[in-house]
């Protein structure tokens, strides 16, 4: 990820999470500080689960909303999800406009 914008000043809470050395090695291999990797992974998972919006995720990571959507999409996390039936309903409705 690139082009971070300054984050809003928020109250920060520090937590300690014991991690196996194998996991630490994997996080280090992402070529960014472990704190940044962990934050990014947590935010991406919250977004994937639908717990937070793309705007909130972008804000938490200090990037633009479009930058976050693009980044998540490259990682296989869709911007929106719909079933095949929902897609057909949308396609039918849009063709009637």
N, C-alpha and C. Protein backbone atom coordinates (compact mmCIF):
# COMPACT_ATOMS: atom_id res chain seq x y z
N UNK A 1 0.84 -1.17 0.00
CA UNK A 1 0.00 0.00 0.00
C UNK A 1 0.88 1.22 0.00
N UNK A 2 0.39 2.28 -0.63
CA UNK A 2 1.16 3.51 -0.65
C UNK A 2 0.26 4.71 -0.46
N UNK A 3 0.86 5.87 -0.55
CA UNK A 3 0.20 7.18 -0.46
C UNK A 3 -0.70 7.30 0.76
N UNK A 4 -0.10 7.17 1.91
CA UNK A 4 -0.85 7.36 3.15
C UNK A 4 -1.09 8.85 3.37
N UNK A 5 -2.28 9.15 3.85
CA UNK A 5 -2.59 10.51 4.25
C UNK A 5 -2.56 10.55 5.76
N UNK A 6 -2.32 11.72 6.33
CA UNK A 6 -2.26 11.77 7.80
C UNK A 6 -3.57 11.29 8.42
N UNK A 7 -3.45 10.46 9.43
CA UNK A 7 -4.63 9.98 10.16
C UNK A 7 -5.14 11.07 11.06
N UNK A 8 -6.46 11.03 11.29
CA UNK A 8 -7.02 11.93 12.29
C UNK A 8 -6.41 11.57 13.63
N UNK A 9 -6.28 12.55 14.49
CA UNK A 9 -5.75 12.27 15.81
C UNK A 9 -6.81 11.55 16.61
N UNK A 10 -6.53 10.32 16.95
CA UNK A 10 -7.44 9.50 17.74
C UNK A 10 -6.73 9.08 19.01
N UNK A 11 -7.51 8.74 20.00
CA UNK A 11 -6.93 8.17 21.20
C UNK A 11 -6.42 6.79 20.85
N UNK A 12 -5.19 6.52 21.20
CA UNK A 12 -4.59 5.23 20.88
C UNK A 12 -4.58 4.36 22.13
N UNK A 13 -4.80 3.09 21.93
CA UNK A 13 -4.73 2.10 23.00
C UNK A 13 -3.65 1.10 22.60
N UNK A 14 -2.82 0.75 23.52
CA UNK A 14 -1.76 -0.22 23.25
C UNK A 14 -2.16 -1.55 23.85
N UNK A 15 -2.01 -2.60 23.05
CA UNK A 15 -2.25 -3.95 23.54
C UNK A 15 -1.04 -4.81 23.19
N UNK A 16 -0.82 -5.82 23.96
CA UNK A 16 0.25 -6.77 23.68
C UNK A 16 -0.38 -8.08 23.25
N UNK A 17 0.07 -8.58 22.10
CA UNK A 17 -0.46 -9.83 21.57
C UNK A 17 0.72 -10.79 21.41
N UNK A 18 0.71 -11.88 22.17
CA UNK A 18 1.77 -12.86 21.99
C UNK A 18 1.63 -13.54 20.62
N UNK A 19 2.73 -13.57 19.86
CA UNK A 19 2.72 -14.18 18.53
C UNK A 19 3.83 -15.21 18.43
N UNK A 20 3.51 -16.31 17.75
CA UNK A 20 4.52 -17.32 17.51
C UNK A 20 5.60 -16.74 16.59
N UNK A 21 6.82 -17.21 16.73
CA UNK A 21 7.93 -16.67 15.94
C UNK A 21 7.70 -16.87 14.45
N UNK A 22 7.04 -17.96 14.06
CA UNK A 22 6.74 -18.17 12.64
C UNK A 22 5.85 -17.07 12.09
N UNK A 23 4.85 -16.67 12.87
CA UNK A 23 3.95 -15.60 12.45
C UNK A 23 4.69 -14.26 12.38
N UNK A 24 5.53 -14.00 13.34
CA UNK A 24 6.34 -12.78 13.31
C UNK A 24 7.21 -12.75 12.07
N UNK A 25 7.82 -13.86 11.72
CA UNK A 25 8.65 -13.93 10.52
C UNK A 25 7.83 -13.64 9.26
N UNK A 26 6.63 -14.21 9.21
CA UNK A 26 5.76 -13.95 8.05
C UNK A 26 5.38 -12.48 7.96
N UNK A 27 5.05 -11.87 9.10
CA UNK A 27 4.70 -10.45 9.10
C UNK A 27 5.89 -9.59 8.68
N UNK A 28 7.07 -9.96 9.12
CA UNK A 28 8.28 -9.22 8.74
C UNK A 28 8.54 -9.33 7.25
N UNK A 29 8.14 -10.43 6.65
CA UNK A 29 8.39 -10.62 5.22
C UNK A 29 7.52 -9.72 4.35
N UNK A 30 6.55 -9.03 4.94
CA UNK A 30 5.69 -8.12 4.18
C UNK A 30 6.36 -6.78 3.89
N UNK A 31 7.60 -6.63 4.36
CA UNK A 31 8.41 -5.43 4.09
C UNK A 31 7.79 -4.13 4.59
N UNK A 32 7.14 -4.22 5.70
CA UNK A 32 6.67 -3.02 6.39
C UNK A 32 6.70 -3.33 7.87
N UNK A 33 6.71 -2.31 8.72
CA UNK A 33 6.75 -2.58 10.16
C UNK A 33 5.60 -3.50 10.58
N UNK A 34 5.88 -4.39 11.52
CA UNK A 34 4.88 -5.35 11.98
C UNK A 34 3.61 -4.65 12.44
N UNK A 35 3.74 -3.52 13.11
CA UNK A 35 2.56 -2.78 13.57
C UNK A 35 1.69 -2.39 12.39
N UNK A 36 2.29 -1.88 11.31
CA UNK A 36 1.53 -1.49 10.13
C UNK A 36 0.89 -2.70 9.46
N UNK A 37 1.63 -3.80 9.38
CA UNK A 37 1.08 -5.03 8.78
C UNK A 37 -0.11 -5.54 9.59
N UNK A 38 0.04 -5.57 10.90
CA UNK A 38 -1.04 -6.06 11.76
C UNK A 38 -2.26 -5.16 11.65
N UNK A 39 -2.05 -3.84 11.66
CA UNK A 39 -3.17 -2.90 11.53
C UNK A 39 -3.89 -3.12 10.21
N UNK A 40 -3.12 -3.22 9.12
CA UNK A 40 -3.70 -3.41 7.80
C UNK A 40 -4.51 -4.71 7.74
N UNK A 41 -3.95 -5.80 8.26
CA UNK A 41 -4.64 -7.08 8.22
C UNK A 41 -5.93 -7.05 9.05
N UNK A 42 -5.89 -6.40 10.20
CA UNK A 42 -7.09 -6.30 11.03
C UNK A 42 -8.17 -5.48 10.33
N UNK A 43 -7.78 -4.36 9.75
CA UNK A 43 -8.74 -3.50 9.07
C UNK A 43 -9.33 -4.23 7.85
N UNK A 44 -8.48 -4.88 7.08
CA UNK A 44 -8.97 -5.63 5.92
C UNK A 44 -9.97 -6.71 6.34
N UNK A 45 -9.69 -7.40 7.43
CA UNK A 45 -10.61 -8.44 7.89
C UNK A 45 -11.92 -7.85 8.38
N UNK A 46 -11.87 -6.74 9.09
CA UNK A 46 -13.10 -6.09 9.53
C UNK A 46 -13.94 -5.65 8.33
N UNK A 47 -13.29 -5.14 7.32
CA UNK A 47 -13.99 -4.74 6.09
C UNK A 47 -14.56 -5.96 5.38
N UNK A 48 -13.78 -7.02 5.25
CA UNK A 48 -14.23 -8.24 4.57
C UNK A 48 -15.47 -8.82 5.26
N UNK A 49 -15.51 -8.74 6.58
CA UNK A 49 -16.65 -9.26 7.34
C UNK A 49 -17.85 -8.32 7.30
N UNK A 50 -17.67 -7.11 6.78
CA UNK A 50 -18.76 -6.15 6.73
C UNK A 50 -18.95 -5.38 8.02
N UNK A 51 -17.96 -5.44 8.90
CA UNK A 51 -18.04 -4.75 10.19
C UNK A 51 -17.82 -3.25 10.03
N UNK A 52 -16.96 -2.87 9.09
CA UNK A 52 -16.70 -1.45 8.82
C UNK A 52 -16.85 -1.18 7.33
N UNK A 53 -17.09 0.07 7.00
CA UNK A 53 -17.24 0.49 5.60
C UNK A 53 -15.88 0.70 4.97
N UNK A 54 -15.88 0.83 3.65
CA UNK A 54 -14.62 1.13 2.96
C UNK A 54 -14.09 2.50 3.38
N UNK A 55 -14.98 3.43 3.64
CA UNK A 55 -14.55 4.76 4.09
C UNK A 55 -13.87 4.71 5.45
N UNK A 56 -14.44 3.95 6.37
CA UNK A 56 -13.85 3.81 7.71
C UNK A 56 -12.52 3.07 7.61
N UNK A 57 -12.48 2.03 6.79
CA UNK A 57 -11.23 1.28 6.61
C UNK A 57 -10.13 2.19 6.07
N UNK A 58 -10.48 2.99 5.07
CA UNK A 58 -9.51 3.93 4.50
C UNK A 58 -9.02 4.92 5.56
N UNK A 59 -9.95 5.42 6.33
CA UNK A 59 -9.60 6.37 7.40
C UNK A 59 -8.64 5.73 8.40
N UNK A 60 -8.94 4.50 8.81
CA UNK A 60 -8.08 3.81 9.79
C UNK A 60 -6.68 3.55 9.26
N UNK A 61 -6.57 3.35 7.94
CA UNK A 61 -5.26 3.10 7.34
C UNK A 61 -4.59 4.38 6.82
N UNK A 62 -5.31 5.48 6.87
CA UNK A 62 -4.72 6.75 6.45
C UNK A 62 -4.52 6.86 4.95
N UNK A 63 -5.44 6.25 4.18
CA UNK A 63 -5.36 6.34 2.73
C UNK A 63 -6.72 6.79 2.19
N UNK A 64 -6.77 7.10 0.89
CA UNK A 64 -8.04 7.50 0.30
C UNK A 64 -8.98 6.31 0.21
N UNK A 65 -10.26 6.60 0.13
CA UNK A 65 -11.25 5.52 0.02
C UNK A 65 -11.00 4.73 -1.26
N UNK A 66 -10.77 5.43 -2.36
CA UNK A 66 -10.51 4.74 -3.63
C UNK A 66 -9.24 3.89 -3.53
N UNK A 67 -8.22 4.41 -2.88
CA UNK A 67 -6.99 3.65 -2.68
C UNK A 67 -7.24 2.38 -1.89
N UNK A 68 -8.09 2.48 -0.86
CA UNK A 68 -8.41 1.28 -0.07
C UNK A 68 -9.19 0.28 -0.90
N UNK A 69 -10.20 0.74 -1.63
CA UNK A 69 -11.02 -0.16 -2.45
C UNK A 69 -10.14 -0.89 -3.47
N UNK A 70 -9.23 -0.15 -4.10
CA UNK A 70 -8.32 -0.76 -5.08
C UNK A 70 -7.42 -1.79 -4.41
N UNK A 71 -6.86 -1.44 -3.27
CA UNK A 71 -5.97 -2.34 -2.54
C UNK A 71 -6.71 -3.61 -2.13
N UNK A 72 -7.90 -3.45 -1.55
CA UNK A 72 -8.68 -4.61 -1.12
C UNK A 72 -9.04 -5.49 -2.32
N UNK A 73 -9.39 -4.86 -3.43
CA UNK A 73 -9.74 -5.63 -4.64
C UNK A 73 -8.56 -6.44 -5.15
N UNK A 74 -7.36 -5.84 -5.12
CA UNK A 74 -6.16 -6.58 -5.55
C UNK A 74 -5.91 -7.79 -4.66
N UNK A 75 -6.36 -7.71 -3.41
CA UNK A 75 -6.19 -8.82 -2.47
C UNK A 75 -7.36 -9.81 -2.53
N UNK A 76 -8.29 -9.58 -3.45
CA UNK A 76 -9.42 -10.50 -3.61
C UNK A 76 -10.60 -10.22 -2.72
N UNK A 77 -10.63 -9.04 -2.11
CA UNK A 77 -11.76 -8.66 -1.26
C UNK A 77 -12.64 -7.74 -2.09
N UNK A 78 -13.84 -8.20 -2.46
CA UNK A 78 -14.68 -7.42 -3.37
C UNK A 78 -15.24 -6.17 -2.72
N UNK A 79 -15.50 -5.16 -3.57
CA UNK A 79 -16.10 -3.92 -3.09
C UNK A 79 -17.55 -4.17 -2.67
N UNK A 80 -18.24 -4.99 -3.42
CA UNK A 80 -19.58 -5.39 -3.03
C UNK A 80 -19.78 -6.86 -3.40
N UNK A 81 -20.67 -7.48 -2.71
CA UNK A 81 -20.95 -8.89 -2.97
C UNK A 81 -22.43 -9.04 -3.27
N UNK A 82 -22.73 -9.82 -4.28
CA UNK A 82 -24.12 -10.15 -4.53
C UNK A 82 -24.21 -11.56 -5.09
N UNK A 83 -25.32 -12.17 -4.81
CA UNK A 83 -25.53 -13.52 -5.32
C UNK A 83 -25.86 -13.44 -6.80
N UNK A 84 -25.85 -14.58 -7.47
CA UNK A 84 -26.19 -14.60 -8.89
C UNK A 84 -27.62 -14.12 -9.11
N UNK A 85 -28.53 -14.51 -8.22
CA UNK A 85 -29.92 -14.06 -8.34
C UNK A 85 -30.02 -12.54 -8.17
N UNK A 86 -29.31 -12.00 -7.19
CA UNK A 86 -29.32 -10.55 -6.99
C UNK A 86 -28.76 -9.83 -8.22
N UNK A 87 -27.72 -10.40 -8.82
CA UNK A 87 -27.13 -9.81 -10.03
C UNK A 87 -28.17 -9.77 -11.15
N UNK A 88 -28.88 -10.87 -11.36
CA UNK A 88 -29.88 -10.93 -12.43
C UNK A 88 -31.01 -9.93 -12.19
N UNK A 89 -31.44 -9.77 -10.96
CA UNK A 89 -32.47 -8.78 -10.63
C UNK A 89 -31.96 -7.38 -10.96
N UNK A 90 -30.73 -7.08 -10.54
CA UNK A 90 -30.14 -5.76 -10.83
C UNK A 90 -30.01 -5.53 -12.33
N UNK A 91 -29.56 -6.53 -13.05
CA UNK A 91 -29.38 -6.41 -14.51
C UNK A 91 -30.72 -6.17 -15.18
N UNK A 92 -31.74 -6.89 -14.75
CA UNK A 92 -33.07 -6.72 -15.33
C UNK A 92 -33.61 -5.33 -15.05
N UNK A 93 -33.47 -4.88 -13.81
CA UNK A 93 -33.96 -3.55 -13.44
C UNK A 93 -33.21 -2.45 -14.18
N UNK A 94 -31.92 -2.60 -14.33
CA UNK A 94 -31.15 -1.54 -15.01
C UNK A 94 -31.44 -1.53 -16.51
N UNK A 95 -31.77 -2.67 -17.10
CA UNK A 95 -32.09 -2.69 -18.52
C UNK A 95 -33.45 -2.07 -18.80
N UNK A 96 -34.29 -1.94 -17.77
CA UNK A 96 -35.62 -1.35 -17.93
C UNK A 96 -35.59 0.15 -17.76
N UNK A 97 -34.46 0.71 -17.42
CA UNK A 97 -34.36 2.17 -17.23
C UNK A 97 -34.28 2.92 -18.52
